[in-house]
Amino acid sequence: MSDVARRGRRYVALLGAPVVLLATGACAHGTGPFVWVDQIPERDVAPVGGEYRLGPGDVVTVQVFSHAEMSGRTKVRDDGKLSIPLLGDVVAAGLSPSALAHTVETELGKQNLAVGTRVTVALEERAPLRVSVIGEVARPGLFALDPGAGVAEALASAGGFTEFAHRDRLFVVRRQPELVRIRLTYDDLVRARGRAAELRLRPGDVVVVE
């Protein structure tokens, strides 16, 4: 069995099936499907203009003016969506509260539920930043990090690399809401090259060291 296959088995206890498939899928296809950190949209690297981006576990209040039946407090689920009465599920993860409000307004109009109405979204409770770090690190596990932490802080919390770690194979596995593997290298991270050091982690992210 290859080193990658053995590492894939170690992930099973910490991750759900979708991410495990990505990790073990590397056996046949190198490191598996991924996108380099410099290739992802800027909004997925760090908040733009100071706007907070919603993630799983965040609690918001949605106010649909003149439609109390669709207004209320709701939580962003692990799949990155939240539910609004009558409208149904709406993707919230990765959006700012104002962008989510615009999305809800648009969907209400498309479904002829509340054409031209105004929607506001307010963040009520911010989910704690809990990030899993797995693979070739000294202490794999789930860690509570300070808001705005990046990959370097996550690696430090996990005690750094093992002797078997490939420092050019660092990944952040994220749902937004689709599953994506963001790749970066340790050299770029410590030298602040490109966007590696700018990448801010979100609740539910998984840092993988191959």
N, C-alpha and C. Protein backbone atom coordinates (compact mmCIF):
# COMPACT_ATOMS: atom_id res chain seq x y z
N MET A 1 0.85 -1.20 0.00
CA MET A 1 0.00 0.00 0.00
C MET A 1 0.88 1.24 0.00
N SER A 2 0.55 2.25 -0.81
CA SER A 2 1.35 3.45 -0.91
C SER A 2 1.21 4.32 0.34
N ASP A 3 2.16 5.29 0.49
CA ASP A 3 2.09 6.21 1.63
C ASP A 3 0.80 7.01 1.60
N VAL A 4 0.36 7.43 0.40
CA VAL A 4 -0.87 8.22 0.29
C VAL A 4 -2.07 7.41 0.73
N ALA A 5 -2.10 6.11 0.36
CA ALA A 5 -3.21 5.24 0.76
C ALA A 5 -3.26 5.09 2.27
N ARG A 6 -2.07 4.91 2.89
CA ARG A 6 -2.05 4.79 4.35
C ARG A 6 -2.55 6.07 5.01
N ARG A 7 -2.15 7.23 4.46
CA ARG A 7 -2.63 8.48 5.03
C ARG A 7 -4.13 8.61 4.86
N GLY A 8 -4.64 8.13 3.71
CA GLY A 8 -6.09 8.20 3.47
C GLY A 8 -6.86 7.46 4.54
N ARG A 9 -6.34 6.31 4.99
CA ARG A 9 -7.01 5.55 6.05
C ARG A 9 -7.02 6.31 7.37
N ARG A 10 -5.95 7.07 7.62
CA ARG A 10 -5.88 7.83 8.87
C ARG A 10 -6.92 8.94 8.90
N TYR A 11 -7.38 9.40 7.73
CA TYR A 11 -8.34 10.49 7.68
C TYR A 11 -9.75 10.05 8.06
N VAL A 12 -10.02 8.74 7.92
CA VAL A 12 -11.40 8.26 8.05
C VAL A 12 -12.02 8.62 9.39
N ALA A 13 -11.24 8.55 10.45
CA ALA A 13 -11.79 8.82 11.78
C ALA A 13 -12.16 10.27 11.99
N LEU A 14 -11.60 11.17 11.18
CA LEU A 14 -11.82 12.60 11.40
C LEU A 14 -12.72 13.25 10.37
N LEU A 15 -12.89 12.64 9.22
CA LEU A 15 -13.65 13.29 8.14
C LEU A 15 -14.84 12.46 7.71
N GLY A 16 -15.81 13.15 7.10
CA GLY A 16 -16.94 12.46 6.50
C GLY A 16 -16.56 11.90 5.15
N ALA A 17 -17.47 11.13 4.54
CA ALA A 17 -17.19 10.41 3.30
C ALA A 17 -16.73 11.29 2.15
N PRO A 18 -17.36 12.47 1.87
CA PRO A 18 -16.96 13.25 0.70
C PRO A 18 -15.49 13.63 0.72
N VAL A 19 -14.98 14.06 1.89
CA VAL A 19 -13.59 14.46 1.96
C VAL A 19 -12.67 13.26 1.93
N VAL A 20 -13.10 12.15 2.54
CA VAL A 20 -12.30 10.93 2.50
C VAL A 20 -12.09 10.47 1.07
N LEU A 21 -13.13 10.59 0.25
CA LEU A 21 -13.00 10.20 -1.15
C LEU A 21 -11.94 11.03 -1.84
N LEU A 22 -11.87 12.32 -1.53
CA LEU A 22 -10.85 13.16 -2.13
C LEU A 22 -9.47 12.74 -1.67
N ALA A 23 -9.35 12.42 -0.38
CA ALA A 23 -8.04 12.05 0.14
C ALA A 23 -7.57 10.72 -0.43
N THR A 24 -8.45 9.71 -0.43
CA THR A 24 -8.05 8.39 -0.91
C THR A 24 -7.99 8.37 -2.43
N GLY A 25 -8.75 9.28 -3.08
CA GLY A 25 -8.70 9.34 -4.53
C GLY A 25 -7.33 9.73 -5.04
N ALA A 26 -6.51 10.30 -4.18
CA ALA A 26 -5.17 10.69 -4.58
C ALA A 26 -4.31 9.48 -4.93
N CYS A 27 -4.73 8.28 -4.48
CA CYS A 27 -3.94 7.07 -4.76
C CYS A 27 -3.79 6.85 -6.26
N ALA A 28 -4.86 7.17 -7.00
CA ALA A 28 -4.84 6.90 -8.44
C ALA A 28 -4.48 8.14 -9.24
N HIS A 29 -4.59 9.32 -8.65
CA HIS A 29 -4.42 10.54 -9.42
C HIS A 29 -3.51 11.53 -8.69
N GLY A 30 -2.38 11.08 -8.18
CA GLY A 30 -1.48 11.98 -7.49
C GLY A 30 -2.15 12.54 -6.25
N THR A 31 -2.21 13.86 -6.18
CA THR A 31 -2.83 14.48 -5.02
C THR A 31 -4.33 14.66 -5.17
N GLY A 32 -4.90 14.23 -6.28
CA GLY A 32 -6.33 14.37 -6.48
C GLY A 32 -6.68 15.76 -7.00
N PRO A 33 -7.96 16.00 -7.29
CA PRO A 33 -8.38 17.29 -7.85
C PRO A 33 -8.20 18.42 -6.84
N PHE A 34 -7.73 19.57 -7.33
CA PHE A 34 -7.52 20.72 -6.46
C PHE A 34 -7.44 21.98 -7.31
N VAL A 35 -7.44 23.12 -6.62
CA VAL A 35 -7.20 24.41 -7.27
C VAL A 35 -6.15 25.14 -6.44
N TRP A 36 -5.18 25.75 -7.11
CA TRP A 36 -4.16 26.50 -6.39
C TRP A 36 -4.77 27.73 -5.74
N VAL A 37 -4.23 28.12 -4.58
CA VAL A 37 -4.80 29.25 -3.84
C VAL A 37 -4.78 30.53 -4.66
N ASP A 38 -3.80 30.71 -5.54
CA ASP A 38 -3.72 31.92 -6.35
C ASP A 38 -4.78 31.95 -7.44
N GLN A 39 -5.47 30.83 -7.66
CA GLN A 39 -6.46 30.75 -8.74
C GLN A 39 -7.89 30.92 -8.25
N ILE A 40 -8.10 30.95 -6.94
CA ILE A 40 -9.47 31.08 -6.44
C ILE A 40 -9.86 32.55 -6.38
N PRO A 41 -11.15 32.86 -6.46
CA PRO A 41 -11.59 34.27 -6.41
C PRO A 41 -11.13 34.96 -5.14
N GLU A 42 -10.87 36.25 -5.26
CA GLU A 42 -10.37 37.02 -4.11
C GLU A 42 -11.32 36.93 -2.92
N ARG A 43 -12.63 36.89 -3.21
CA ARG A 43 -13.61 36.84 -2.11
C ARG A 43 -13.50 35.56 -1.30
N ASP A 44 -12.90 34.50 -1.86
CA ASP A 44 -12.75 33.25 -1.15
C ASP A 44 -11.42 33.17 -0.39
N VAL A 45 -10.55 34.18 -0.58
CA VAL A 45 -9.28 34.21 0.14
C VAL A 45 -9.46 34.90 1.48
N ALA A 46 -10.04 36.10 1.45
CA ALA A 46 -10.25 36.88 2.66
C ALA A 46 -11.43 37.82 2.43
N PRO A 47 -12.08 38.25 3.50
CA PRO A 47 -13.20 39.18 3.34
C PRO A 47 -12.76 40.43 2.59
N VAL A 48 -13.62 40.89 1.69
CA VAL A 48 -13.34 42.09 0.90
C VAL A 48 -14.03 43.28 1.56
N GLY A 49 -13.28 44.37 1.74
CA GLY A 49 -13.87 45.57 2.31
C GLY A 49 -14.38 45.40 3.73
N GLY A 50 -13.82 44.41 4.44
CA GLY A 50 -14.22 44.22 5.84
C GLY A 50 -15.54 43.49 6.02
N GLU A 51 -16.20 43.08 4.93
CA GLU A 51 -17.49 42.39 5.06
C GLU A 51 -17.28 40.95 5.51
N TYR A 52 -18.02 40.55 6.50
CA TYR A 52 -17.94 39.18 7.01
C TYR A 52 -18.63 38.24 6.04
N ARG A 53 -18.03 37.08 5.81
CA ARG A 53 -18.61 36.06 4.94
C ARG A 53 -19.23 34.97 5.80
N LEU A 54 -20.46 34.66 5.54
CA LEU A 54 -21.19 33.68 6.33
C LEU A 54 -20.64 32.27 6.12
N GLY A 55 -20.77 31.45 7.16
CA GLY A 55 -20.34 30.07 7.07
C GLY A 55 -21.22 29.18 7.93
N PRO A 56 -21.03 27.87 7.86
CA PRO A 56 -21.82 26.94 8.67
C PRO A 56 -21.78 27.30 10.15
N GLY A 57 -22.95 27.26 10.79
CA GLY A 57 -23.04 27.56 12.21
C GLY A 57 -23.40 28.99 12.52
N ASP A 58 -23.27 29.89 11.57
CA ASP A 58 -23.67 31.28 11.78
C ASP A 58 -25.19 31.38 11.90
N VAL A 59 -25.64 32.24 12.76
CA VAL A 59 -27.07 32.47 12.94
C VAL A 59 -27.40 33.88 12.45
N VAL A 60 -28.40 34.00 11.59
CA VAL A 60 -28.79 35.29 11.05
C VAL A 60 -30.28 35.52 11.26
N THR A 61 -30.67 36.79 11.22
CA THR A 61 -32.08 37.16 11.19
C THR A 61 -32.39 37.70 9.80
N VAL A 62 -33.34 37.08 9.14
CA VAL A 62 -33.78 37.51 7.81
C VAL A 62 -35.09 38.27 7.96
N GLN A 63 -35.12 39.50 7.49
CA GLN A 63 -36.33 40.34 7.56
C GLN A 63 -36.82 40.60 6.15
N VAL A 64 -37.98 40.02 5.82
CA VAL A 64 -38.64 40.27 4.54
C VAL A 64 -39.77 41.26 4.82
N PHE A 65 -39.60 42.49 4.42
CA PHE A 65 -40.55 43.53 4.78
C PHE A 65 -41.95 43.24 4.24
N SER A 66 -42.93 43.42 5.13
CA SER A 66 -44.35 43.19 4.82
C SER A 66 -44.67 41.70 4.67
N HIS A 67 -43.72 40.83 5.05
CA HIS A 67 -43.96 39.39 4.95
C HIS A 67 -43.38 38.72 6.20
N ALA A 68 -44.09 38.87 7.30
CA ALA A 68 -43.62 38.31 8.56
C ALA A 68 -43.51 36.79 8.50
N GLU A 69 -44.34 36.16 7.67
CA GLU A 69 -44.33 34.70 7.59
C GLU A 69 -43.02 34.16 7.02
N MET A 70 -42.26 35.00 6.30
CA MET A 70 -40.98 34.56 5.74
C MET A 70 -39.79 35.14 6.50
N SER A 71 -40.06 35.90 7.53
CA SER A 71 -39.00 36.52 8.32
C SER A 71 -38.70 35.68 9.55
N GLY A 72 -37.50 35.87 10.09
CA GLY A 72 -37.16 35.16 11.32
C GLY A 72 -35.69 34.83 11.43
N ARG A 73 -35.38 34.13 12.49
CA ARG A 73 -34.01 33.77 12.82
C ARG A 73 -33.73 32.37 12.27
N THR A 74 -32.58 32.19 11.64
CA THR A 74 -32.25 30.90 11.04
C THR A 74 -30.74 30.69 11.05
N LYS A 75 -30.35 29.43 10.94
CA LYS A 75 -28.94 29.06 11.05
C LYS A 75 -28.42 28.50 9.74
N VAL A 76 -27.19 28.85 9.40
CA VAL A 76 -26.55 28.29 8.21
C VAL A 76 -26.13 26.85 8.53
N ARG A 77 -26.64 25.91 7.73
CA ARG A 77 -26.37 24.50 7.98
C ARG A 77 -24.97 24.10 7.50
N ASP A 78 -24.60 22.87 7.80
CA ASP A 78 -23.28 22.36 7.40
C ASP A 78 -23.13 22.31 5.88
N ASP A 79 -24.25 22.23 5.15
CA ASP A 79 -24.17 22.21 3.68
C ASP A 79 -24.08 23.61 3.09
N GLY A 80 -23.98 24.63 3.97
CA GLY A 80 -23.83 26.00 3.49
C GLY A 80 -25.12 26.71 3.15
N LYS A 81 -26.25 26.07 3.40
CA LYS A 81 -27.53 26.66 3.06
C LYS A 81 -28.33 27.00 4.32
N LEU A 82 -29.30 27.87 4.16
CA LEU A 82 -30.27 28.12 5.21
C LEU A 82 -31.67 28.03 4.61
N SER A 83 -32.65 27.86 5.46
CA SER A 83 -34.02 27.67 4.99
C SER A 83 -34.88 28.86 5.36
N ILE A 84 -35.66 29.33 4.38
CA ILE A 84 -36.58 30.45 4.58
C ILE A 84 -37.99 29.95 4.29
N PRO A 85 -38.94 30.15 5.22
CA PRO A 85 -40.31 29.67 5.00
C PRO A 85 -40.86 30.12 3.65
N LEU A 86 -41.53 29.19 2.99
CA LEU A 86 -42.14 29.38 1.66
C LEU A 86 -41.11 29.40 0.53
N LEU A 87 -39.98 30.06 0.75
CA LEU A 87 -38.96 30.14 -0.29
C LEU A 87 -38.13 28.87 -0.38
N GLY A 88 -37.82 28.27 0.76
CA GLY A 88 -37.01 27.05 0.77
C GLY A 88 -35.55 27.34 1.06
N ASP A 89 -34.66 26.46 0.56
CA ASP A 89 -33.23 26.56 0.84
C ASP A 89 -32.56 27.60 -0.05
N VAL A 90 -31.65 28.35 0.56
CA VAL A 90 -30.87 29.37 -0.14
C VAL A 90 -29.41 29.20 0.26
N VAL A 91 -28.50 29.27 -0.70
CA VAL A 91 -27.07 29.19 -0.40
C VAL A 91 -26.64 30.45 0.33
N ALA A 92 -26.01 30.28 1.50
CA ALA A 92 -25.56 31.42 2.30
C ALA A 92 -24.05 31.43 2.50
N ALA A 93 -23.42 30.26 2.58
CA ALA A 93 -21.99 30.19 2.85
C ALA A 93 -21.19 30.92 1.79
N GLY A 94 -20.25 31.74 2.24
CA GLY A 94 -19.41 32.48 1.32
C GLY A 94 -19.95 33.85 0.96
N LEU A 95 -21.20 34.14 1.35
CA LEU A 95 -21.82 35.43 1.05
C LEU A 95 -21.76 36.34 2.27
N SER A 96 -21.68 37.63 2.03
CA SER A 96 -21.83 38.60 3.11
C SER A 96 -23.32 38.71 3.42
N PRO A 97 -23.70 39.22 4.60
CA PRO A 97 -25.13 39.40 4.89
C PRO A 97 -25.85 40.24 3.85
N SER A 98 -25.20 41.29 3.35
CA SER A 98 -25.85 42.12 2.34
C SER A 98 -26.02 41.38 1.02
N ALA A 99 -25.03 40.57 0.65
CA ALA A 99 -25.15 39.78 -0.58
C ALA A 99 -26.24 38.72 -0.45
N LEU A 100 -26.35 38.13 0.74
CA LEU A 100 -27.42 37.16 0.97
C LEU A 100 -28.78 37.82 0.86
N ALA A 101 -28.91 39.03 1.40
CA ALA A 101 -30.18 39.75 1.31
C ALA A 101 -30.56 39.98 -0.15
N HIS A 102 -29.59 40.35 -0.96
CA HIS A 102 -29.85 40.56 -2.40
C HIS A 102 -30.27 39.25 -3.06
N THR A 103 -29.61 38.15 -2.69
CA THR A 103 -29.96 36.84 -3.26
C THR A 103 -31.39 36.46 -2.91
N VAL A 104 -31.77 36.69 -1.65
CA VAL A 104 -33.15 36.37 -1.23
C VAL A 104 -34.15 37.23 -1.98
N GLU A 105 -33.87 38.51 -2.12
CA GLU A 105 -34.76 39.39 -2.88
C GLU A 105 -34.96 38.87 -4.30
N THR A 106 -33.85 38.47 -4.93
CA THR A 106 -33.91 37.98 -6.31
C THR A 106 -34.74 36.70 -6.40
N GLU A 107 -34.52 35.76 -5.47
CA GLU A 107 -35.26 34.49 -5.50
C GLU A 107 -36.74 34.70 -5.22
N LEU A 108 -37.06 35.62 -4.32
CA LEU A 108 -38.47 35.91 -4.04
C LEU A 108 -39.16 36.45 -5.29
N GLY A 109 -38.46 37.28 -6.04
CA GLY A 109 -39.03 37.81 -7.27
C GLY A 109 -39.20 36.74 -8.33
N LYS A 110 -38.19 35.85 -8.47
CA LYS A 110 -38.26 34.78 -9.46
C LYS A 110 -39.44 33.85 -9.21
N GLN A 111 -39.71 33.59 -7.93
CA GLN A 111 -40.79 32.67 -7.58
C GLN A 111 -42.13 33.38 -7.35
N ASN A 112 -42.16 34.69 -7.63
CA ASN A 112 -43.40 35.48 -7.48
C ASN A 112 -43.97 35.40 -6.06
N LEU A 113 -43.09 35.34 -5.10
CA LEU A 113 -43.53 35.28 -3.71
C LEU A 113 -43.62 36.67 -3.09
N ALA A 114 -42.70 37.54 -3.50
CA ALA A 114 -42.70 38.91 -2.96
C ALA A 114 -41.91 39.78 -3.93
N VAL A 115 -42.53 40.13 -5.02
CA VAL A 115 -41.86 40.90 -6.07
C VAL A 115 -41.60 42.33 -5.59
N GLY A 116 -40.34 42.76 -5.70
CA GLY A 116 -39.98 44.13 -5.36
C GLY A 116 -39.88 44.43 -3.88
N THR A 117 -39.99 43.42 -3.03
CA THR A 117 -39.89 43.68 -1.60
C THR A 117 -38.43 43.85 -1.17
N ARG A 118 -38.24 44.46 -0.01
CA ARG A 118 -36.90 44.70 0.52
C ARG A 118 -36.59 43.65 1.57
N VAL A 119 -35.34 43.16 1.54
CA VAL A 119 -34.88 42.14 2.48
C VAL A 119 -33.62 42.63 3.17
N THR A 120 -33.54 42.42 4.46
CA THR A 120 -32.31 42.68 5.20
C THR A 120 -31.89 41.41 5.92
N VAL A 121 -30.59 41.24 6.07
CA VAL A 121 -30.03 40.10 6.80
C VAL A 121 -29.04 40.63 7.82
N ALA A 122 -29.21 40.24 9.07
CA ALA A 122 -28.32 40.68 10.14
C ALA A 122 -27.67 39.46 10.80
N LEU A 123 -26.37 39.52 10.98
CA LEU A 123 -25.65 38.45 11.66
C LEU A 123 -25.91 38.55 13.16
N GLU A 124 -26.49 37.52 13.74
CA GLU A 124 -26.83 37.50 15.17
C GLU A 124 -25.78 36.77 16.00
N GLU A 125 -25.33 35.62 15.51
CA GLU A 125 -24.33 34.83 16.23
C GLU A 125 -23.30 34.31 15.24
N ARG A 126 -22.07 34.63 15.51
CA ARG A 126 -20.99 34.16 14.64
C ARG A 126 -20.48 32.82 15.13
N ALA A 127 -20.39 31.85 14.24
CA ALA A 127 -19.92 30.52 14.63
C ALA A 127 -18.46 30.58 15.06
N PRO A 128 -18.09 29.82 16.09
CA PRO A 128 -16.67 29.79 16.49
C PRO A 128 -15.84 29.20 15.36
N LEU A 129 -14.61 29.66 15.25
CA LEU A 129 -13.73 29.16 14.19
C LEU A 129 -13.10 27.86 14.66
N ARG A 130 -13.72 26.76 14.28
CA ARG A 130 -13.19 25.43 14.60
C ARG A 130 -12.75 24.77 13.31
N VAL A 131 -11.50 24.37 13.26
CA VAL A 131 -10.90 23.85 12.03
C VAL A 131 -10.22 22.52 12.34
N SER A 132 -10.44 21.53 11.51
CA SER A 132 -9.75 20.24 11.63
C SER A 132 -8.42 20.30 10.90
N VAL A 133 -7.40 19.72 11.50
CA VAL A 133 -6.09 19.58 10.85
C VAL A 133 -5.75 18.10 10.86
N ILE A 134 -5.53 17.52 9.69
CA ILE A 134 -5.30 16.08 9.60
C ILE A 134 -4.11 15.78 8.69
N GLY A 135 -3.70 14.53 8.68
CA GLY A 135 -2.60 14.09 7.83
C GLY A 135 -1.29 14.07 8.59
N GLU A 136 -0.23 14.51 7.93
CA GLU A 136 1.11 14.41 8.49
C GLU A 136 1.45 15.59 9.40
N VAL A 137 0.72 15.67 10.51
CA VAL A 137 1.01 16.66 11.55
C VAL A 137 1.16 15.92 12.88
N ALA A 138 1.79 16.58 13.83
CA ALA A 138 2.11 15.92 15.10
C ALA A 138 0.86 15.57 15.90
N ARG A 139 -0.13 16.47 15.91
CA ARG A 139 -1.34 16.25 16.72
C ARG A 139 -2.59 16.53 15.88
N PRO A 140 -3.00 15.60 15.04
CA PRO A 140 -4.22 15.82 14.25
C PRO A 140 -5.42 16.03 15.18
N GLY A 141 -6.36 16.85 14.75
CA GLY A 141 -7.55 17.04 15.58
C GLY A 141 -8.33 18.27 15.17
N LEU A 142 -9.30 18.61 16.02
CA LEU A 142 -10.16 19.77 15.80
C LEU A 142 -9.69 20.88 16.75
N PHE A 143 -9.45 22.08 16.19
CA PHE A 143 -8.88 23.16 16.98
C PHE A 143 -9.74 24.42 16.90
N ALA A 144 -9.83 25.11 18.03
CA ALA A 144 -10.51 26.40 18.08
C ALA A 144 -9.45 27.48 17.84
N LEU A 145 -9.63 28.27 16.80
CA LEU A 145 -8.67 29.30 16.43
C LEU A 145 -9.29 30.69 16.56
N ASP A 146 -8.45 31.68 16.62
CA ASP A 146 -8.93 33.06 16.67
C ASP A 146 -9.54 33.44 15.33
N PRO A 147 -10.57 34.28 15.33
CA PRO A 147 -11.15 34.76 14.06
C PRO A 147 -10.06 35.39 13.18
N GLY A 148 -10.10 35.07 11.90
CA GLY A 148 -9.10 35.61 10.99
C GLY A 148 -7.83 34.79 10.89
N ALA A 149 -7.80 33.62 11.56
CA ALA A 149 -6.61 32.77 11.51
C ALA A 149 -6.42 32.19 10.12
N GLY A 150 -5.16 31.89 9.80
CA GLY A 150 -4.84 31.28 8.52
C GLY A 150 -4.27 29.89 8.70
N VAL A 151 -3.70 29.35 7.63
CA VAL A 151 -3.18 27.99 7.65
C VAL A 151 -1.99 27.87 8.61
N ALA A 152 -1.15 28.90 8.70
CA ALA A 152 0.01 28.83 9.59
C ALA A 152 -0.42 28.62 11.05
N GLU A 153 -1.46 29.32 11.47
CA GLU A 153 -1.95 29.18 12.84
C GLU A 153 -2.52 27.78 13.08
N ALA A 154 -3.20 27.24 12.08
CA ALA A 154 -3.75 25.89 12.20
C ALA A 154 -2.64 24.85 12.33
N LEU A 155 -1.60 25.00 11.53
CA LEU A 155 -0.48 24.07 11.59
C LEU A 155 0.24 24.15 12.94
N ALA A 156 0.38 25.36 13.46
CA ALA A 156 1.03 25.52 14.76
C ALA A 156 0.22 24.85 15.86
N SER A 157 -1.11 24.98 15.78
CA SER A 157 -1.97 24.34 16.78
C SER A 157 -1.85 22.83 16.75
N ALA A 158 -1.57 22.29 15.57
CA ALA A 158 -1.44 20.84 15.41
C ALA A 158 -0.02 20.35 15.66
N GLY A 159 0.85 21.23 16.12
CA GLY A 159 2.20 20.80 16.49
C GLY A 159 3.19 20.71 15.35
N GLY A 160 2.82 21.22 14.17
CA GLY A 160 3.75 21.19 13.04
C GLY A 160 3.75 19.87 12.31
N PHE A 161 4.69 19.72 11.39
CA PHE A 161 4.74 18.57 10.49
C PHE A 161 5.39 17.34 11.14
N THR A 162 5.05 16.17 10.61
CA THR A 162 5.81 14.96 10.90
C THR A 162 6.97 14.86 9.91
N GLU A 163 7.83 13.92 10.11
CA GLU A 163 8.97 13.75 9.21
C GLU A 163 8.55 13.27 7.83
N PHE A 164 7.32 12.78 7.70
CA PHE A 164 6.86 12.26 6.41
C PHE A 164 6.07 13.29 5.60
N ALA A 165 5.90 14.48 6.14
CA ALA A 165 5.06 15.49 5.48
C ALA A 165 5.70 16.00 4.19
N HIS A 166 4.85 16.21 3.18
CA HIS A 166 5.25 16.86 1.94
C HIS A 166 4.84 18.33 2.06
N ARG A 167 5.79 19.21 2.25
CA ARG A 167 5.47 20.60 2.53
C ARG A 167 4.95 21.37 1.32
N ASP A 168 5.00 20.74 0.16
CA ASP A 168 4.40 21.37 -1.02
C ASP A 168 3.00 20.82 -1.28
N ARG A 169 2.48 20.02 -0.34
CA ARG A 169 1.14 19.45 -0.49
C ARG A 169 0.29 19.79 0.72
N LEU A 170 -0.01 21.06 0.86
CA LEU A 170 -0.92 21.53 1.90
C LEU A 170 -2.24 21.88 1.22
N PHE A 171 -3.35 21.46 1.85
CA PHE A 171 -4.67 21.70 1.26
C PHE A 171 -5.63 22.23 2.31
N VAL A 172 -6.54 23.07 1.87
CA VAL A 172 -7.68 23.47 2.67
C VAL A 172 -8.92 22.93 1.96
N VAL A 173 -9.63 22.03 2.63
CA VAL A 173 -10.86 21.45 2.06
C VAL A 173 -12.04 22.25 2.61
N ARG A 174 -12.83 22.77 1.70
CA ARG A 174 -13.89 23.71 2.09
C ARG A 174 -15.16 23.42 1.30
N ARG A 175 -16.30 23.64 1.97
CA ARG A 175 -17.60 23.61 1.29
C ARG A 175 -18.07 25.04 1.09
N GLN A 176 -18.45 25.41 -0.17
CA GLN A 176 -18.86 26.79 -0.38
C GLN A 176 -19.95 26.97 -1.44
N PRO A 177 -21.06 26.21 -1.53
CA PRO A 177 -21.32 24.99 -0.77
C PRO A 177 -20.70 23.75 -1.41
N GLU A 178 -20.21 23.86 -2.66
CA GLU A 178 -19.58 22.70 -3.29
C GLU A 178 -18.22 22.44 -2.64
N LEU A 179 -17.84 21.17 -2.59
CA LEU A 179 -16.57 20.80 -1.99
C LEU A 179 -15.42 21.22 -2.89
N VAL A 180 -14.42 21.90 -2.33
CA VAL A 180 -13.25 22.34 -3.10
C VAL A 180 -12.00 22.09 -2.29
N ARG A 181 -10.91 21.70 -2.95
CA ARG A 181 -9.61 21.52 -2.31
C ARG A 181 -8.69 22.64 -2.79
N ILE A 182 -8.28 23.48 -1.87
CA ILE A 182 -7.41 24.60 -2.19
C ILE A 182 -5.98 24.22 -1.81
N ARG A 183 -5.07 24.29 -2.79
CA ARG A 183 -3.70 23.84 -2.54
C ARG A 183 -2.76 25.04 -2.36
N LEU A 184 -1.80 24.87 -1.45
CA LEU A 184 -0.74 25.85 -1.26
C LEU A 184 0.51 25.13 -0.78
N THR A 185 1.64 25.81 -0.79
CA THR A 185 2.88 25.22 -0.31
C THR A 185 3.35 25.95 0.95
N TYR A 186 4.09 25.24 1.77
CA TYR A 186 4.59 25.83 3.01
C TYR A 186 5.58 26.95 2.71
N ASP A 187 6.38 26.78 1.67
CA ASP A 187 7.36 27.80 1.32
C ASP A 187 6.66 29.11 0.96
N ASP A 188 5.59 29.03 0.16
CA ASP A 188 4.84 30.23 -0.18
C ASP A 188 4.19 30.83 1.07
N LEU A 189 3.75 29.96 1.98
CA LEU A 189 3.08 30.42 3.19
C LEU A 189 4.04 31.24 4.07
N VAL A 190 5.22 30.70 4.35
CA VAL A 190 6.14 31.39 5.27
C VAL A 190 6.83 32.57 4.61
N ARG A 191 6.94 32.55 3.28
CA ARG A 191 7.57 33.67 2.57
C ARG A 191 6.54 34.70 2.10
N ALA A 192 5.25 34.44 2.42
CA ALA A 192 4.17 35.36 2.05
C ALA A 192 4.15 35.62 0.55
N ARG A 193 4.36 34.55 -0.23
CA ARG A 193 4.29 34.67 -1.69
C ARG A 193 2.88 34.38 -2.16
N GLY A 194 2.39 35.16 -3.10
CA GLY A 194 1.05 34.94 -3.62
C GLY A 194 0.02 35.14 -2.52
N ARG A 195 -1.03 34.32 -2.57
CA ARG A 195 -2.14 34.47 -1.63
C ARG A 195 -2.10 33.47 -0.48
N ALA A 196 -1.05 32.67 -0.41
CA ALA A 196 -1.01 31.59 0.59
C ALA A 196 -1.18 32.14 2.00
N ALA A 197 -0.46 33.20 2.33
CA ALA A 197 -0.52 33.75 3.69
C ALA A 197 -1.77 34.59 3.92
N GLU A 198 -2.46 34.97 2.82
CA GLU A 198 -3.66 35.80 2.93
C GLU A 198 -4.92 34.98 3.16
N LEU A 199 -4.85 33.68 2.88
CA LEU A 199 -6.04 32.82 2.98
C LEU A 199 -6.52 32.75 4.41
N ARG A 200 -7.75 33.20 4.65
CA ARG A 200 -8.36 33.14 5.98
C ARG A 200 -9.23 31.89 6.07
N LEU A 201 -9.09 31.15 7.15
CA LEU A 201 -9.88 29.94 7.34
C LEU A 201 -11.30 30.29 7.78
N ARG A 202 -12.21 29.37 7.47
CA ARG A 202 -13.62 29.54 7.83
C ARG A 202 -14.07 28.36 8.68
N PRO A 203 -15.14 28.55 9.47
CA PRO A 203 -15.66 27.43 10.27
C PRO A 203 -15.95 26.23 9.36
N GLY A 204 -15.50 25.06 9.79
CA GLY A 204 -15.75 23.85 9.02
C GLY A 204 -14.64 23.50 8.04
N ASP A 205 -13.67 24.40 7.82
CA ASP A 205 -12.56 24.09 6.94
C ASP A 205 -11.74 22.93 7.50
N VAL A 206 -11.11 22.17 6.61
CA VAL A 206 -10.21 21.09 7.01
C VAL A 206 -8.86 21.33 6.36
N VAL A 207 -7.81 21.43 7.16
CA VAL A 207 -6.45 21.58 6.65
C VAL A 207 -5.83 20.19 6.56
N VAL A 208 -5.35 19.84 5.38
CA VAL A 208 -4.79 18.51 5.12
C VAL A 208 -3.32 18.64 4.73
N VAL A 209 -2.47 17.88 5.41
CA VAL A 209 -1.05 17.83 5.07
C VAL A 209 -0.76 16.43 4.54
N GLU A 210 -0.34 16.34 3.29
CA GLU A 210 -0.06 15.02 2.71
C GLU A 210 1.40 14.63 2.92
